[in-house]
N, C-alpha and C. Protein backbone atom coordinates (compact mmCIF):
# COMPACT_ATOMS: atom_id res chain seq x y z
N UNK A 1 -39.04 -13.34 159.61
CA UNK A 1 -39.24 -13.39 160.99
C UNK A 1 -37.84 -13.05 161.36
N UNK A 2 -37.81 -12.25 162.29
CA UNK A 2 -36.38 -11.60 162.83
C UNK A 2 -35.55 -12.49 163.45
N UNK A 3 -34.47 -12.25 163.32
CA UNK A 3 -33.38 -13.76 163.76
C UNK A 3 -32.79 -12.89 165.02
N UNK A 4 -32.43 -13.74 166.07
CA UNK A 4 -31.68 -13.54 167.03
C UNK A 4 -30.52 -12.87 167.02
N UNK A 5 -29.60 -12.38 167.94
CA UNK A 5 -28.23 -11.65 167.82
C UNK A 5 -27.45 -12.85 167.48
N UNK A 6 -26.56 -12.86 166.65
CA UNK A 6 -25.51 -13.60 166.25
C UNK A 6 -24.60 -14.06 167.29
N UNK A 7 -24.25 -15.17 167.32
CA UNK A 7 -23.41 -15.35 168.44
C UNK A 7 -21.71 -15.64 167.85
N UNK A 8 -20.72 -15.51 168.65
CA UNK A 8 -19.36 -16.13 167.98
C UNK A 8 -19.22 -17.38 167.72
N UNK A 9 -18.61 -17.37 166.82
CA UNK A 9 -18.17 -19.10 166.35
C UNK A 9 -17.13 -19.54 165.79
N UNK A 10 -16.57 -20.68 166.15
CA UNK A 10 -15.12 -21.13 165.49
C UNK A 10 -15.70 -21.73 164.03
N UNK A 11 -14.90 -21.39 163.03
CA UNK A 11 -14.98 -22.09 161.87
C UNK A 11 -13.85 -22.90 161.76
N UNK A 12 -14.02 -24.02 160.96
CA UNK A 12 -12.98 -24.83 160.43
C UNK A 12 -11.67 -24.23 160.32
N UNK A 13 -10.63 -24.59 160.42
CA UNK A 13 -9.31 -23.88 160.05
C UNK A 13 -8.94 -24.03 158.68
N UNK A 14 -8.24 -23.32 158.15
CA UNK A 14 -7.53 -23.40 156.76
C UNK A 14 -6.15 -23.52 156.98
N UNK A 15 -5.75 -24.42 156.07
CA UNK A 15 -4.11 -24.21 156.10
C UNK A 15 -3.66 -23.30 154.97
N UNK A 16 -2.49 -22.74 155.62
CA UNK A 16 -1.95 -21.73 154.61
C UNK A 16 -0.94 -22.13 153.66
N UNK A 17 -0.49 -21.48 152.61
CA UNK A 17 0.94 -22.00 151.71
C UNK A 17 1.93 -22.35 152.43
N UNK A 18 2.17 -21.48 153.62
CA UNK A 18 3.37 -21.54 154.60
C UNK A 18 3.23 -22.90 155.24
N UNK A 19 2.29 -23.40 155.38
CA UNK A 19 1.96 -25.11 156.03
C UNK A 19 1.46 -24.77 157.74
N UNK A 20 1.48 -23.24 157.90
CA UNK A 20 0.74 -23.08 159.09
C UNK A 20 -0.68 -23.56 158.85
N UNK A 21 -1.48 -23.37 160.12
CA UNK A 21 -2.74 -23.45 160.06
C UNK A 21 -3.34 -21.92 160.56
N UNK A 22 -4.66 -21.62 159.95
CA UNK A 22 -5.25 -20.51 160.34
C UNK A 22 -6.55 -20.83 161.14
N UNK A 23 -6.48 -20.46 162.48
CA UNK A 23 -7.92 -20.77 163.33
C UNK A 23 -8.69 -19.58 163.19
N UNK A 24 -9.87 -19.73 162.64
CA UNK A 24 -10.64 -18.49 162.37
C UNK A 24 -12.04 -18.46 163.42
N UNK A 25 -12.19 -17.37 164.15
CA UNK A 25 -13.37 -16.86 164.87
C UNK A 25 -14.13 -15.57 164.31
N UNK A 26 -15.32 -16.09 164.02
CA UNK A 26 -16.18 -14.92 163.95
C UNK A 26 -16.94 -14.35 165.04
N UNK A 27 -16.87 -12.98 164.90
CA UNK A 27 -17.49 -12.40 166.13
C UNK A 27 -18.43 -11.17 165.54
N UNK A 28 -19.35 -11.11 166.13
CA UNK A 28 -20.29 -9.65 165.64
C UNK A 28 -20.59 -8.81 166.63
N UNK A 29 -20.40 -7.48 166.28
CA UNK A 29 -20.74 -6.63 167.32
C UNK A 29 -22.02 -6.37 167.78
N UNK A 30 -22.33 -6.32 168.85
CA UNK A 30 -23.72 -6.21 168.97
C UNK A 30 -24.53 -4.70 168.65
N UNK A 31 -23.83 -3.67 168.64
CA UNK A 31 -24.61 -2.78 168.71
C UNK A 31 -24.68 -2.47 167.16
N UNK A 32 -23.37 -2.54 166.30
CA UNK A 32 -23.57 -2.45 164.69
C UNK A 32 -23.72 -3.72 164.18
N UNK A 33 -23.56 -4.79 164.59
CA UNK A 33 -23.93 -5.94 163.96
C UNK A 33 -22.94 -6.44 162.78
N UNK A 34 -22.04 -5.50 162.69
CA UNK A 34 -20.76 -5.84 161.85
C UNK A 34 -20.04 -6.96 162.31
N UNK A 35 -19.72 -7.86 161.26
CA UNK A 35 -18.97 -8.98 161.46
C UNK A 35 -17.41 -8.72 161.32
N UNK A 36 -16.80 -9.63 162.50
CA UNK A 36 -15.49 -9.55 162.52
C UNK A 36 -14.76 -10.58 162.54
N UNK A 37 -13.75 -10.81 161.97
CA UNK A 37 -13.00 -12.23 161.97
C UNK A 37 -11.25 -12.33 162.52
N UNK A 38 -11.19 -13.03 163.62
CA UNK A 38 -9.86 -13.18 164.35
C UNK A 38 -9.39 -14.38 163.56
N UNK A 39 -7.98 -14.15 163.09
CA UNK A 39 -7.62 -15.32 162.45
C UNK A 39 -6.16 -15.55 162.99
N UNK A 40 -6.02 -16.22 164.24
CA UNK A 40 -4.56 -16.39 164.68
C UNK A 40 -3.88 -17.78 163.79
N UNK A 41 -2.53 -17.95 163.96
CA UNK A 41 -2.14 -18.84 163.18
C UNK A 41 -1.31 -19.82 164.19
N UNK A 42 -1.57 -21.34 163.78
CA UNK A 42 -1.09 -22.23 164.38
C UNK A 42 -0.14 -23.36 163.65
N UNK A 43 0.81 -24.40 164.46
CA UNK A 43 1.61 -25.22 163.83
C UNK A 43 0.54 -26.09 163.28
N UNK A 44 -0.69 -26.83 163.70
CA UNK A 44 -1.33 -27.96 163.42
C UNK A 44 -2.79 -27.63 163.39
N UNK A 45 -3.48 -28.37 162.76
CA UNK A 45 -4.82 -28.29 162.59
C UNK A 45 -5.76 -28.20 163.97
N UNK A 46 -5.19 -29.39 164.95
CA UNK A 46 -5.94 -29.25 165.89
C UNK A 46 -5.51 -28.32 166.82
N UNK A 47 -4.37 -27.42 166.84
CA UNK A 47 -4.02 -26.32 167.84
C UNK A 47 -4.80 -25.21 167.33
N UNK A 48 -5.16 -25.11 165.89
CA UNK A 48 -5.92 -24.25 165.13
C UNK A 48 -7.39 -24.19 165.65
N UNK A 49 -7.99 -25.81 165.54
CA UNK A 49 -9.34 -25.43 165.99
C UNK A 49 -9.71 -25.35 167.37
N UNK A 50 -8.82 -25.83 168.29
CA UNK A 50 -8.82 -25.46 169.89
C UNK A 50 -8.60 -24.26 169.84
N UNK A 51 -7.71 -23.62 169.59
CA UNK A 51 -7.51 -22.14 169.77
C UNK A 51 -8.78 -21.19 169.24
N UNK A 52 -9.36 -21.69 168.16
CA UNK A 52 -10.78 -21.08 168.02
C UNK A 52 -11.65 -20.83 168.74
N UNK A 53 -11.94 -22.19 169.11
CA UNK A 53 -12.78 -22.44 170.16
C UNK A 53 -12.44 -21.95 171.46
N UNK A 54 -11.43 -21.83 171.89
CA UNK A 54 -11.08 -21.18 173.27
C UNK A 54 -11.29 -19.63 173.23
N UNK A 55 -11.04 -18.96 171.79
CA UNK A 55 -11.31 -17.63 171.64
C UNK A 55 -12.61 -17.20 171.43
N UNK A 56 -13.36 -18.19 170.96
CA UNK A 56 -14.95 -17.89 170.83
C UNK A 56 -15.41 -18.04 172.28
N UNK A 57 -14.91 -18.65 172.94
CA UNK A 57 -15.56 -18.87 174.52
C UNK A 57 -15.38 -17.83 175.26
N UNK A 58 -13.83 -17.34 175.04
CA UNK A 58 -13.41 -16.21 175.78
C UNK A 58 -14.29 -14.95 175.68
N UNK A 59 -14.39 -14.56 174.30
CA UNK A 59 -15.23 -13.33 173.51
C UNK A 59 -16.61 -13.86 174.29
N UNK A 60 -17.32 -14.60 174.34
CA UNK A 60 -18.45 -14.83 174.87
C UNK A 60 -18.61 -14.76 176.62
N UNK A 61 -17.66 -14.77 176.87
CA UNK A 61 -17.31 -14.82 178.64
C UNK A 61 -16.79 -13.48 178.92
N UNK A 62 -16.54 -12.62 178.19
CA UNK A 62 -16.00 -11.58 178.62
C UNK A 62 -16.95 -10.71 179.02
N UNK A 63 -16.53 -10.08 180.35
CA UNK A 63 -17.55 -9.01 181.22
C UNK A 63 -17.69 -7.72 180.77
N UNK A 64 -17.00 -7.27 179.66
CA UNK A 64 -17.06 -6.19 178.89
C UNK A 64 -17.86 -6.24 177.95
N UNK A 65 -18.31 -7.41 177.44
CA UNK A 65 -19.21 -7.54 176.43
C UNK A 65 -20.66 -7.25 176.48
N UNK A 66 -21.21 -6.13 175.93
CA UNK A 66 -22.65 -5.99 175.98
C UNK A 66 -23.56 -6.70 175.10
N UNK A 67 -24.31 -7.71 175.60
CA UNK A 67 -25.15 -8.20 174.73
C UNK A 67 -26.43 -7.29 174.26
N UNK A 68 -26.86 -7.81 173.29
CA UNK A 68 -28.03 -6.82 172.87
C UNK A 68 -29.12 -6.58 174.03
N UNK A 69 -29.43 -5.57 174.02
CA UNK A 69 -30.43 -4.95 175.04
C UNK A 69 -32.01 -5.15 174.46
N UNK A 70 -32.73 -4.90 175.61
CA UNK A 70 -34.11 -5.05 175.19
C UNK A 70 -34.76 -3.35 174.98
N UNK A 71 -33.80 -2.51 174.66
CA UNK A 71 -34.23 -1.12 174.53
C UNK A 71 -35.11 -1.19 172.94
N UNK A 72 -36.15 -0.02 173.37
CA UNK A 72 -37.32 0.15 172.13
C UNK A 72 -36.43 1.04 171.12
N UNK A 73 -37.28 1.02 170.43
CA UNK A 73 -36.70 1.90 168.76
C UNK A 73 -37.15 3.56 169.58
N UNK A 74 -38.19 3.56 170.02
CA UNK A 74 -38.33 5.13 170.56
C UNK A 74 -37.48 5.40 171.72
N UNK A 75 -37.13 4.51 172.74
CA UNK A 75 -36.35 4.97 173.92
C UNK A 75 -34.88 5.29 173.05
N UNK A 76 -34.52 4.33 172.22
CA UNK A 76 -33.14 4.86 171.37
C UNK A 76 -33.03 6.03 170.93
N UNK A 77 -34.14 6.56 170.15
CA UNK A 77 -34.50 7.66 169.12
C UNK A 77 -34.25 8.67 170.69
N UNK A 78 -35.04 8.44 171.44
CA UNK A 78 -35.17 9.80 172.30
C UNK A 78 -33.72 10.05 173.14
N UNK A 79 -33.24 8.93 173.22
CA UNK A 79 -31.56 9.08 174.18
C UNK A 79 -30.99 9.69 173.10
N UNK A 80 -30.91 9.16 171.62
CA UNK A 80 -30.04 9.60 170.71
C UNK A 80 -30.42 11.20 170.58
N UNK A 81 -31.46 11.59 170.56
CA UNK A 81 -31.97 12.76 170.17
C UNK A 81 -31.48 13.89 171.33
N UNK A 82 -31.38 13.45 172.54
CA UNK A 82 -31.35 14.12 173.65
C UNK A 82 -29.60 14.47 173.69
N UNK A 83 -29.07 13.22 173.55
CA UNK A 83 -27.75 12.96 173.81
C UNK A 83 -26.78 13.66 172.85
N UNK A 84 -27.09 13.01 171.62
CA UNK A 84 -26.08 13.42 170.49
C UNK A 84 -26.67 14.59 169.46
N UNK A 85 -27.79 14.26 169.21
CA UNK A 85 -28.32 15.47 168.36
C UNK A 85 -28.75 16.59 168.80
N UNK A 86 -28.89 16.81 170.13
CA UNK A 86 -29.08 18.15 171.14
C UNK A 86 -27.94 18.64 171.07
N UNK A 87 -26.56 17.89 171.41
CA UNK A 87 -25.63 18.56 171.56
C UNK A 87 -24.95 19.21 170.29
N UNK A 88 -25.29 18.57 169.27
CA UNK A 88 -24.74 18.88 167.90
C UNK A 88 -25.26 19.91 166.84
N UNK A 89 -26.38 19.95 167.31
CA UNK A 89 -27.68 20.90 166.02
C UNK A 89 -28.44 21.83 167.16
N UNK A 90 -29.28 22.73 166.22
CA UNK A 90 -29.96 23.79 166.78
C UNK A 90 -31.27 23.01 167.63
N UNK A 91 -31.89 23.83 168.49
CA UNK A 91 -33.04 23.21 168.86
C UNK A 91 -34.04 23.21 167.54
N UNK A 92 -34.09 24.23 166.62
CA UNK A 92 -35.03 23.90 165.67
C UNK A 92 -34.81 22.57 164.87
N UNK A 93 -33.53 22.11 164.58
CA UNK A 93 -33.14 21.00 163.94
C UNK A 93 -33.82 19.72 164.68
N UNK A 94 -33.44 19.76 165.94
CA UNK A 94 -34.08 18.59 166.63
C UNK A 94 -35.29 18.55 166.77
N UNK A 95 -36.31 19.68 166.47
CA UNK A 95 -37.48 19.60 166.41
C UNK A 95 -38.30 18.78 165.29
N UNK A 96 -37.36 19.44 164.08
CA UNK A 96 -37.12 18.89 162.61
C UNK A 96 -37.12 17.52 162.68
N UNK A 97 -36.36 16.79 163.47
CA UNK A 97 -35.96 15.19 163.55
C UNK A 97 -36.84 14.76 164.22
N UNK A 98 -37.80 15.09 165.10
CA UNK A 98 -39.03 14.56 165.72
C UNK A 98 -40.16 14.54 164.68
N UNK A 99 -40.39 15.78 164.04
CA UNK A 99 -41.25 15.90 163.06
C UNK A 99 -41.17 14.63 162.14
N UNK A 100 -39.87 14.70 161.38
CA UNK A 100 -39.70 13.64 160.40
C UNK A 100 -39.74 12.17 160.79
N UNK A 101 -39.32 12.04 162.18
CA UNK A 101 -39.14 10.70 162.81
C UNK A 101 -40.39 9.87 163.15
N UNK A 102 -41.72 11.02 163.26
CA UNK A 102 -42.97 10.82 163.77
C UNK A 102 -43.51 9.41 163.08
N UNK A 103 -43.74 9.15 161.81
CA UNK A 103 -44.21 8.11 161.19
C UNK A 103 -43.43 6.56 161.52
N UNK A 104 -41.88 6.73 161.53
CA UNK A 104 -41.26 5.75 162.24
C UNK A 104 -41.31 5.09 163.73
N UNK A 105 -41.56 6.52 164.52
CA UNK A 105 -41.66 6.20 165.78
C UNK A 105 -43.24 5.23 166.26
N UNK A 106 -44.30 5.77 165.23
CA UNK A 106 -45.32 5.37 165.59
C UNK A 106 -45.58 4.06 165.23
N UNK A 107 -44.97 3.51 163.97
CA UNK A 107 -44.85 2.21 163.67
C UNK A 107 -43.99 1.33 164.22
N UNK A 108 -42.71 1.73 164.46
CA UNK A 108 -41.61 0.94 165.26
C UNK A 108 -41.46 0.99 166.56
N UNK A 109 -42.01 2.20 167.41
CA UNK A 109 -41.42 2.50 168.60
C UNK A 109 -41.51 1.67 169.48
N UNK A 110 -42.72 0.74 169.70
CA UNK A 110 -42.46 -0.19 171.01
C UNK A 110 -41.47 -1.39 170.54
N UNK A 111 -41.09 -1.29 169.46
CA UNK A 111 -40.26 -2.57 168.95
C UNK A 111 -39.22 -2.75 169.54
N UNK A 112 -38.44 -3.42 170.14
CA UNK A 112 -37.07 -3.74 170.60
C UNK A 112 -36.12 -3.68 169.66
N UNK A 113 -34.84 -2.71 169.48
CA UNK A 113 -34.09 -2.47 168.62
C UNK A 113 -33.34 -3.77 168.05
N UNK A 114 -33.11 -4.82 168.83
CA UNK A 114 -32.55 -6.61 168.41
C UNK A 114 -33.62 -6.76 167.52
N UNK A 115 -35.03 -6.66 167.47
CA UNK A 115 -35.73 -7.10 166.53
C UNK A 115 -36.28 -6.78 165.11
N UNK A 116 -35.67 -5.64 164.98
CA UNK A 116 -35.92 -4.45 163.85
C UNK A 116 -35.41 -5.47 162.54
N UNK A 117 -36.00 -5.39 161.61
CA UNK A 117 -35.18 -5.88 160.31
C UNK A 117 -35.53 -4.91 159.14
N UNK A 118 -34.78 -4.81 158.10
CA UNK A 118 -34.80 -3.96 156.98
C UNK A 118 -36.48 -3.80 156.50
N UNK A 119 -37.50 -5.10 156.45
CA UNK A 119 -38.37 -5.14 155.91
C UNK A 119 -39.46 -4.13 156.84
N UNK A 120 -39.04 -4.14 158.10
CA UNK A 120 -40.03 -3.11 159.07
C UNK A 120 -39.90 -2.06 158.72
N UNK A 121 -38.82 -1.42 158.12
CA UNK A 121 -38.40 -0.20 158.11
C UNK A 121 -39.00 0.26 156.43
N UNK A 122 -38.47 -0.66 155.54
CA UNK A 122 -39.59 -0.53 154.02
C UNK A 122 -40.69 -0.45 154.38
N UNK A 123 -41.62 -1.10 155.24
CA UNK A 123 -42.94 -1.10 155.09
C UNK A 123 -43.33 0.43 155.95
N UNK A 124 -42.99 0.96 156.54
CA UNK A 124 -42.96 1.97 157.14
C UNK A 124 -42.88 3.10 155.76
N UNK A 125 -41.67 3.17 155.08
CA UNK A 125 -41.59 4.01 154.00
C UNK A 125 -42.47 3.79 152.70
N UNK A 126 -43.06 2.59 152.78
CA UNK A 126 -44.11 2.36 151.72
C UNK A 126 -45.08 2.91 151.90
N UNK A 127 -45.54 2.63 153.39
CA UNK A 127 -46.70 3.44 153.64
C UNK A 127 -46.60 5.15 154.13
N UNK A 128 -45.46 5.79 154.21
CA UNK A 128 -44.97 7.08 153.75
C UNK A 128 -45.63 7.50 152.39
N UNK A 129 -45.03 6.60 151.57
CA UNK A 129 -44.98 7.07 150.09
C UNK A 129 -46.34 7.09 149.51
N UNK A 130 -47.26 6.10 149.96
CA UNK A 130 -48.71 5.91 149.89
C UNK A 130 -49.30 7.16 150.12
N UNK A 131 -48.92 7.61 151.22
CA UNK A 131 -49.78 8.42 151.82
C UNK A 131 -49.32 10.18 151.44
N UNK A 132 -48.24 9.86 150.76
CA UNK A 132 -47.58 11.17 150.18
C UNK A 132 -46.61 12.02 150.71
N UNK A 133 -46.18 11.51 151.72
CA UNK A 133 -45.02 11.99 152.26
C UNK A 133 -43.76 12.24 151.82
């Protein structure tokens, strides 16, 4: 079952050998899914914990942050193909990309990007191998 987008969270602070406390906030990039950790330092454990919570809340409230969209796989592929691939490759290459992506688009096209999992892609690849592609 696909999981929803990961939200930022504050993790319990760690005590450093220097005696300072490291507040930790885990953030996730909505577009790439990559994890990033902010680790400001504080004098006390309480300050570290409160600072991490404030940082997570500030990230959540940031007006420039883009939450995951409902864009489907086929809409994303078309946008990428027309915007990025067409600008960098020949027309024949774009046509080849369309041809090679056809099984993926047929199986995954109507699904929102945020709900896709590695298992979805693996299922398509397995079907392609069985079909002799």
